[in-house]
Amino acid sequence: MPKQTNIFAHLPVSLDEESFTDLLHVPGLRIERIVSQGHASPPDFWYDQGWDEWVLVLQGEATLEFDDPPKQVVLRVGDYYWLPAGLRHRVASTDTNGPTIWLAVHRGENDPPHDDFTNKN
């Protein structure tokens, strides 16, 4: 039975670690809410995913960093970015003054584990 809820409901109280919540998970497609606050990928860590990902910042701010060619992109409320499979990237920073809420759409994945490679600054 379809279920209605709100993406801003049940936000984590403590953000010692990033929060990952699956909103929809069907074969080949996963939509999740990510909540960060001051989290970033460890230095010299790069995501190199075997699936496509589209991210949208709903609240807060984040900076993504790319390996080749090197560049950084700041995402603010309403900004989205397409991360095709194999694009080496990392989260350089997220807002320290409040939660950054992301909507992430993963396409073509085979149930990968959540990446627990982020640390709080």
N, C-alpha and C. Protein backbone atom coordinates (compact mmCIF):
# COMPACT_ATOMS: atom_id res chain seq x y z
N MET A 1 0.84 -1.18 0.00
CA MET A 1 0.00 0.00 0.00
C MET A 1 0.89 1.24 0.00
N PRO A 2 0.63 2.21 -0.87
CA PRO A 2 1.44 3.43 -0.88
C PRO A 2 1.36 4.15 0.46
N LYS A 3 2.46 4.80 0.79
CA LYS A 3 2.57 5.48 2.08
C LYS A 3 2.94 6.94 1.84
N GLN A 4 2.24 7.84 2.50
CA GLN A 4 2.56 9.26 2.41
C GLN A 4 3.31 9.68 3.65
N THR A 5 4.36 10.45 3.46
CA THR A 5 5.10 11.03 4.58
C THR A 5 5.74 12.32 4.07
N ASN A 6 6.55 12.96 4.90
CA ASN A 6 7.16 14.22 4.55
C ASN A 6 8.67 14.08 4.68
N ILE A 7 9.40 14.57 3.69
CA ILE A 7 10.86 14.42 3.69
C ILE A 7 11.53 15.12 4.86
N PHE A 8 10.84 16.12 5.45
CA PHE A 8 11.39 16.83 6.59
C PHE A 8 10.95 16.24 7.93
N ALA A 9 10.15 15.19 7.89
CA ALA A 9 9.70 14.54 9.11
C ALA A 9 10.79 13.63 9.67
N HIS A 10 10.79 13.49 10.96
CA HIS A 10 11.68 12.55 11.65
C HIS A 10 13.16 12.81 11.36
N LEU A 11 13.54 14.08 11.36
CA LEU A 11 14.96 14.40 11.19
C LEU A 11 15.73 13.92 12.41
N PRO A 12 16.96 13.48 12.23
CA PRO A 12 17.74 13.01 13.38
C PRO A 12 18.02 14.15 14.36
N VAL A 13 18.01 13.80 15.63
CA VAL A 13 18.27 14.79 16.67
C VAL A 13 19.77 15.02 16.80
N SER A 14 20.54 13.96 16.76
CA SER A 14 21.99 14.03 16.88
C SER A 14 22.61 13.74 15.51
N LEU A 15 23.59 14.52 15.15
CA LEU A 15 24.24 14.31 13.85
C LEU A 15 25.73 14.04 14.03
N ASP A 16 26.07 13.13 14.95
CA ASP A 16 27.46 12.72 15.08
C ASP A 16 27.93 12.05 13.79
N GLU A 17 27.00 11.37 13.13
CA GLU A 17 27.26 10.75 11.83
C GLU A 17 26.17 11.19 10.87
N GLU A 18 26.46 11.15 9.58
CA GLU A 18 25.43 11.46 8.61
C GLU A 18 24.29 10.45 8.74
N SER A 19 23.10 10.89 8.39
CA SER A 19 21.92 10.05 8.45
C SER A 19 21.47 9.71 7.03
N PHE A 20 21.24 8.42 6.77
CA PHE A 20 20.78 7.94 5.47
C PHE A 20 19.44 7.25 5.66
N THR A 21 18.42 7.71 4.94
CA THR A 21 17.09 7.10 5.05
C THR A 21 16.59 6.78 3.65
N ASP A 22 16.34 5.50 3.38
CA ASP A 22 15.75 5.12 2.10
C ASP A 22 14.29 5.55 2.07
N LEU A 23 13.92 6.28 1.03
CA LEU A 23 12.54 6.70 0.83
C LEU A 23 11.82 5.77 -0.14
N LEU A 24 12.57 5.24 -1.09
CA LEU A 24 12.04 4.29 -2.08
C LEU A 24 13.19 3.43 -2.53
N HIS A 25 12.95 2.12 -2.57
CA HIS A 25 13.99 1.21 -3.04
C HIS A 25 13.32 0.11 -3.85
N VAL A 26 13.52 0.16 -5.16
CA VAL A 26 13.01 -0.85 -6.08
C VAL A 26 14.19 -1.28 -6.95
N PRO A 27 14.10 -2.40 -7.63
CA PRO A 27 15.23 -2.85 -8.45
C PRO A 27 15.73 -1.75 -9.40
N GLY A 28 17.03 -1.45 -9.27
CA GLY A 28 17.67 -0.49 -10.16
C GLY A 28 17.49 0.97 -9.78
N LEU A 29 16.72 1.25 -8.72
CA LEU A 29 16.46 2.64 -8.33
C LEU A 29 16.33 2.74 -6.81
N ARG A 30 17.06 3.71 -6.24
CA ARG A 30 16.93 3.98 -4.82
C ARG A 30 16.91 5.48 -4.62
N ILE A 31 15.95 5.95 -3.85
CA ILE A 31 15.84 7.36 -3.50
C ILE A 31 16.03 7.46 -2.01
N GLU A 32 16.95 8.33 -1.60
CA GLU A 32 17.23 8.44 -0.17
C GLU A 32 17.33 9.90 0.26
N ARG A 33 17.08 10.08 1.54
CA ARG A 33 17.32 11.38 2.18
C ARG A 33 18.62 11.23 2.96
N ILE A 34 19.50 12.21 2.77
CA ILE A 34 20.76 12.26 3.51
C ILE A 34 20.73 13.54 4.33
N VAL A 35 21.09 13.44 5.60
CA VAL A 35 21.17 14.61 6.46
C VAL A 35 22.60 14.71 6.97
N SER A 36 23.23 15.85 6.69
CA SER A 36 24.62 16.11 7.08
C SER A 36 24.66 17.40 7.87
N GLN A 37 25.66 17.53 8.72
CA GLN A 37 25.92 18.81 9.38
C GLN A 37 27.39 18.86 9.73
N GLY A 38 28.14 19.59 8.91
CA GLY A 38 29.58 19.68 9.13
C GLY A 38 30.33 18.43 8.72
N HIS A 39 29.69 17.53 8.00
CA HIS A 39 30.35 16.30 7.57
C HIS A 39 31.08 16.54 6.24
N ALA A 40 32.13 15.78 6.03
CA ALA A 40 32.90 15.83 4.80
C ALA A 40 33.58 14.48 4.59
N SER A 41 33.92 14.19 3.36
CA SER A 41 34.69 12.98 3.07
C SER A 41 36.08 13.14 3.67
N PRO A 42 36.70 12.05 4.11
CA PRO A 42 38.06 12.15 4.63
C PRO A 42 39.01 12.68 3.55
N PRO A 43 40.09 13.32 3.97
CA PRO A 43 41.07 13.78 2.99
C PRO A 43 41.55 12.62 2.12
N ASP A 44 41.72 12.88 0.86
CA ASP A 44 42.21 11.88 -0.11
C ASP A 44 41.25 10.72 -0.36
N PHE A 45 40.01 10.79 0.15
CA PHE A 45 39.01 9.77 -0.18
C PHE A 45 38.18 10.26 -1.36
N TRP A 46 37.95 9.37 -2.32
CA TRP A 46 37.13 9.69 -3.49
C TRP A 46 36.07 8.61 -3.68
N TYR A 47 34.82 9.04 -3.85
CA TYR A 47 33.77 8.11 -4.28
C TYR A 47 34.04 7.79 -5.74
N ASP A 48 33.94 6.53 -6.10
CA ASP A 48 34.07 6.08 -7.49
C ASP A 48 33.01 5.01 -7.69
N GLN A 49 31.77 5.46 -7.80
CA GLN A 49 30.60 4.59 -7.78
C GLN A 49 30.37 3.91 -9.13
N GLY A 50 29.82 2.71 -9.06
CA GLY A 50 29.49 1.97 -10.26
C GLY A 50 28.05 2.23 -10.71
N TRP A 51 27.41 3.26 -10.20
CA TRP A 51 26.04 3.61 -10.55
C TRP A 51 25.92 5.13 -10.63
N ASP A 52 24.89 5.59 -11.31
CA ASP A 52 24.61 7.02 -11.44
C ASP A 52 23.93 7.53 -10.19
N GLU A 53 24.17 8.82 -9.87
CA GLU A 53 23.52 9.45 -8.73
C GLU A 53 23.18 10.90 -9.08
N TRP A 54 21.97 11.30 -8.72
CA TRP A 54 21.52 12.68 -8.87
C TRP A 54 21.22 13.19 -7.49
N VAL A 55 21.80 14.34 -7.12
CA VAL A 55 21.59 14.89 -5.79
C VAL A 55 20.98 16.28 -5.88
N LEU A 56 20.12 16.60 -4.91
CA LEU A 56 19.45 17.89 -4.80
C LEU A 56 19.57 18.34 -3.35
N VAL A 57 20.00 19.59 -3.13
CA VAL A 57 20.07 20.13 -1.78
C VAL A 57 18.74 20.81 -1.48
N LEU A 58 18.05 20.29 -0.47
CA LEU A 58 16.76 20.83 -0.05
C LEU A 58 16.90 21.88 1.05
N GLN A 59 17.95 21.76 1.83
CA GLN A 59 18.21 22.70 2.93
C GLN A 59 19.70 22.70 3.19
N GLY A 60 20.25 23.85 3.54
CA GLY A 60 21.66 23.94 3.88
C GLY A 60 22.52 24.20 2.65
N GLU A 61 23.75 23.74 2.73
CA GLU A 61 24.73 23.99 1.67
C GLU A 61 25.79 22.91 1.71
N ALA A 62 26.34 22.58 0.55
CA ALA A 62 27.40 21.58 0.47
C ALA A 62 28.34 21.93 -0.67
N THR A 63 29.57 21.48 -0.54
CA THR A 63 30.56 21.65 -1.61
C THR A 63 31.02 20.27 -2.04
N LEU A 64 30.88 20.01 -3.33
CA LEU A 64 31.39 18.78 -3.93
C LEU A 64 32.72 19.10 -4.60
N GLU A 65 33.63 18.15 -4.54
CA GLU A 65 34.93 18.30 -5.18
C GLU A 65 35.11 17.17 -6.17
N PHE A 66 35.72 17.47 -7.31
CA PHE A 66 35.92 16.50 -8.37
C PHE A 66 37.40 16.33 -8.64
N ASP A 67 37.77 15.11 -9.04
CA ASP A 67 39.17 14.74 -9.20
C ASP A 67 39.73 15.12 -10.55
N ASP A 68 39.04 14.81 -11.64
CA ASP A 68 39.62 14.98 -12.97
C ASP A 68 38.57 15.45 -13.97
N PRO A 69 38.59 16.72 -14.35
CA PRO A 69 39.55 17.74 -13.92
C PRO A 69 39.19 18.24 -12.53
N PRO A 70 40.18 18.71 -11.80
CA PRO A 70 39.93 19.20 -10.45
C PRO A 70 39.02 20.43 -10.46
N LYS A 71 37.96 20.37 -9.66
CA LYS A 71 37.09 21.54 -9.50
C LYS A 71 36.20 21.32 -8.29
N GLN A 72 35.61 22.42 -7.82
CA GLN A 72 34.65 22.36 -6.73
C GLN A 72 33.35 23.02 -7.19
N VAL A 73 32.23 22.48 -6.69
CA VAL A 73 30.91 23.01 -6.98
C VAL A 73 30.19 23.21 -5.66
N VAL A 74 29.69 24.42 -5.42
CA VAL A 74 28.91 24.71 -4.23
C VAL A 74 27.44 24.52 -4.57
N LEU A 75 26.76 23.71 -3.77
CA LEU A 75 25.33 23.47 -3.95
C LEU A 75 24.58 24.14 -2.81
N ARG A 76 23.64 24.99 -3.17
CA ARG A 76 22.79 25.66 -2.19
C ARG A 76 21.36 25.16 -2.38
N VAL A 77 20.45 25.63 -1.56
CA VAL A 77 19.05 25.19 -1.61
C VAL A 77 18.53 25.27 -3.05
N GLY A 78 18.02 24.16 -3.53
CA GLY A 78 17.46 24.09 -4.87
C GLY A 78 18.44 23.65 -5.94
N ASP A 79 19.74 23.64 -5.64
CA ASP A 79 20.74 23.22 -6.63
C ASP A 79 20.81 21.70 -6.69
N TYR A 80 20.98 21.19 -7.89
CA TYR A 80 21.14 19.75 -8.07
C TYR A 80 22.31 19.46 -8.98
N TYR A 81 22.79 18.22 -8.92
CA TYR A 81 23.98 17.83 -9.69
C TYR A 81 23.86 16.37 -10.09
N TRP A 82 24.27 16.06 -11.31
CA TRP A 82 24.28 14.70 -11.85
C TRP A 82 25.68 14.14 -11.70
N LEU A 83 25.79 12.98 -11.06
CA LEU A 83 27.05 12.30 -10.85
C LEU A 83 27.02 10.96 -11.59
N PRO A 84 27.49 10.93 -12.84
CA PRO A 84 27.44 9.66 -13.58
C PRO A 84 28.39 8.64 -12.97
N ALA A 85 28.09 7.38 -13.19
CA ALA A 85 28.94 6.29 -12.71
C ALA A 85 30.39 6.55 -13.11
N GLY A 86 31.30 6.32 -12.17
CA GLY A 86 32.72 6.46 -12.45
C GLY A 86 33.28 7.87 -12.26
N LEU A 87 32.44 8.85 -11.96
CA LEU A 87 32.93 10.21 -11.73
C LEU A 87 33.50 10.28 -10.31
N ARG A 88 34.81 10.44 -10.21
CA ARG A 88 35.44 10.50 -8.90
C ARG A 88 35.11 11.84 -8.25
N HIS A 89 34.48 11.75 -7.07
CA HIS A 89 34.05 12.95 -6.36
C HIS A 89 34.10 12.70 -4.85
N ARG A 90 34.01 13.81 -4.13
CA ARG A 90 33.98 13.74 -2.67
C ARG A 90 33.16 14.90 -2.16
N VAL A 91 32.70 14.78 -0.92
CA VAL A 91 32.01 15.88 -0.26
C VAL A 91 33.10 16.67 0.47
N ALA A 92 33.37 17.88 -0.03
CA ALA A 92 34.42 18.70 0.58
C ALA A 92 33.94 19.32 1.88
N SER A 93 32.65 19.69 1.94
CA SER A 93 32.11 20.29 3.17
C SER A 93 30.59 20.31 3.11
N THR A 94 29.98 20.39 4.29
CA THR A 94 28.55 20.66 4.42
C THR A 94 28.40 21.73 5.49
N ASP A 95 27.25 22.37 5.48
CA ASP A 95 26.96 23.48 6.39
C ASP A 95 27.19 23.07 7.84
N THR A 96 27.87 23.91 8.60
CA THR A 96 28.11 23.64 10.02
C THR A 96 27.08 24.33 10.91
N ASN A 97 26.29 25.24 10.34
CA ASN A 97 25.33 26.02 11.13
C ASN A 97 23.95 25.37 11.23
N GLY A 98 23.73 24.30 10.55
CA GLY A 98 22.45 23.62 10.57
C GLY A 98 22.52 22.44 9.62
N PRO A 99 21.48 21.62 9.59
CA PRO A 99 21.53 20.44 8.74
C PRO A 99 21.48 20.77 7.25
N THR A 100 22.23 20.00 6.50
CA THR A 100 22.11 19.98 5.05
C THR A 100 21.28 18.75 4.72
N ILE A 101 20.16 18.97 4.06
CA ILE A 101 19.27 17.86 3.70
C ILE A 101 19.36 17.66 2.20
N TRP A 102 19.74 16.47 1.81
CA TRP A 102 19.91 16.10 0.41
C TRP A 102 18.81 15.12 0.01
N LEU A 103 18.42 15.17 -1.24
CA LEU A 103 17.63 14.12 -1.86
C LEU A 103 18.56 13.49 -2.88
N ALA A 104 18.80 12.19 -2.76
CA ALA A 104 19.71 11.49 -3.66
C ALA A 104 18.94 10.39 -4.39
N VAL A 105 19.12 10.36 -5.69
CA VAL A 105 18.49 9.34 -6.53
C VAL A 105 19.62 8.52 -7.15
N HIS A 106 19.63 7.22 -6.83
CA HIS A 106 20.65 6.30 -7.33
C HIS A 106 20.02 5.43 -8.42
N ARG A 107 20.68 5.35 -9.58
CA ARG A 107 20.14 4.59 -10.70
C ARG A 107 21.17 3.55 -11.14
N GLY A 108 20.70 2.32 -11.27
CA GLY A 108 21.56 1.27 -11.78
C GLY A 108 22.43 0.60 -10.73
N GLU A 109 22.14 0.84 -9.47
CA GLU A 109 22.95 0.21 -8.43
C GLU A 109 22.43 -1.18 -8.12
N ASN A 110 23.28 -1.98 -7.54
CA ASN A 110 22.91 -3.32 -7.10
C ASN A 110 23.00 -3.40 -5.59
N ASP A 111 22.15 -2.63 -4.93
CA ASP A 111 22.07 -2.63 -3.47
C ASP A 111 23.42 -2.43 -2.79
N PRO A 112 24.16 -1.35 -3.14
CA PRO A 112 25.44 -1.14 -2.46
C PRO A 112 25.20 -0.71 -1.02
N PRO A 113 26.16 -0.96 -0.16
CA PRO A 113 26.00 -0.48 1.22
C PRO A 113 26.10 1.04 1.24
N HIS A 114 25.54 1.65 2.28
CA HIS A 114 25.72 3.08 2.46
C HIS A 114 27.19 3.33 2.73
N ASP A 115 27.72 4.40 2.18
CA ASP A 115 29.11 4.76 2.41
C ASP A 115 29.22 5.44 3.76
N ASP A 116 29.93 4.82 4.67
CA ASP A 116 30.14 5.39 5.99
C ASP A 116 31.52 6.03 6.05
N PHE A 117 31.92 6.67 4.95
CA PHE A 117 33.26 7.23 4.86
C PHE A 117 33.27 8.72 5.11
N THR A 118 32.29 9.26 5.77
CA THR A 118 32.30 10.70 6.04
C THR A 118 32.58 10.93 7.51
N ASN A 119 33.26 12.02 7.78
CA ASN A 119 33.51 12.37 9.16
C ASN A 119 33.06 13.80 9.40
N LYS A 120 32.75 14.06 10.64
CA LYS A 120 32.32 15.39 11.02
C LYS A 120 33.54 16.24 11.26
N ASN A 121 33.53 17.46 10.70
CA ASN A 121 34.67 18.37 10.90
C ASN A 121 34.73 18.86 12.32
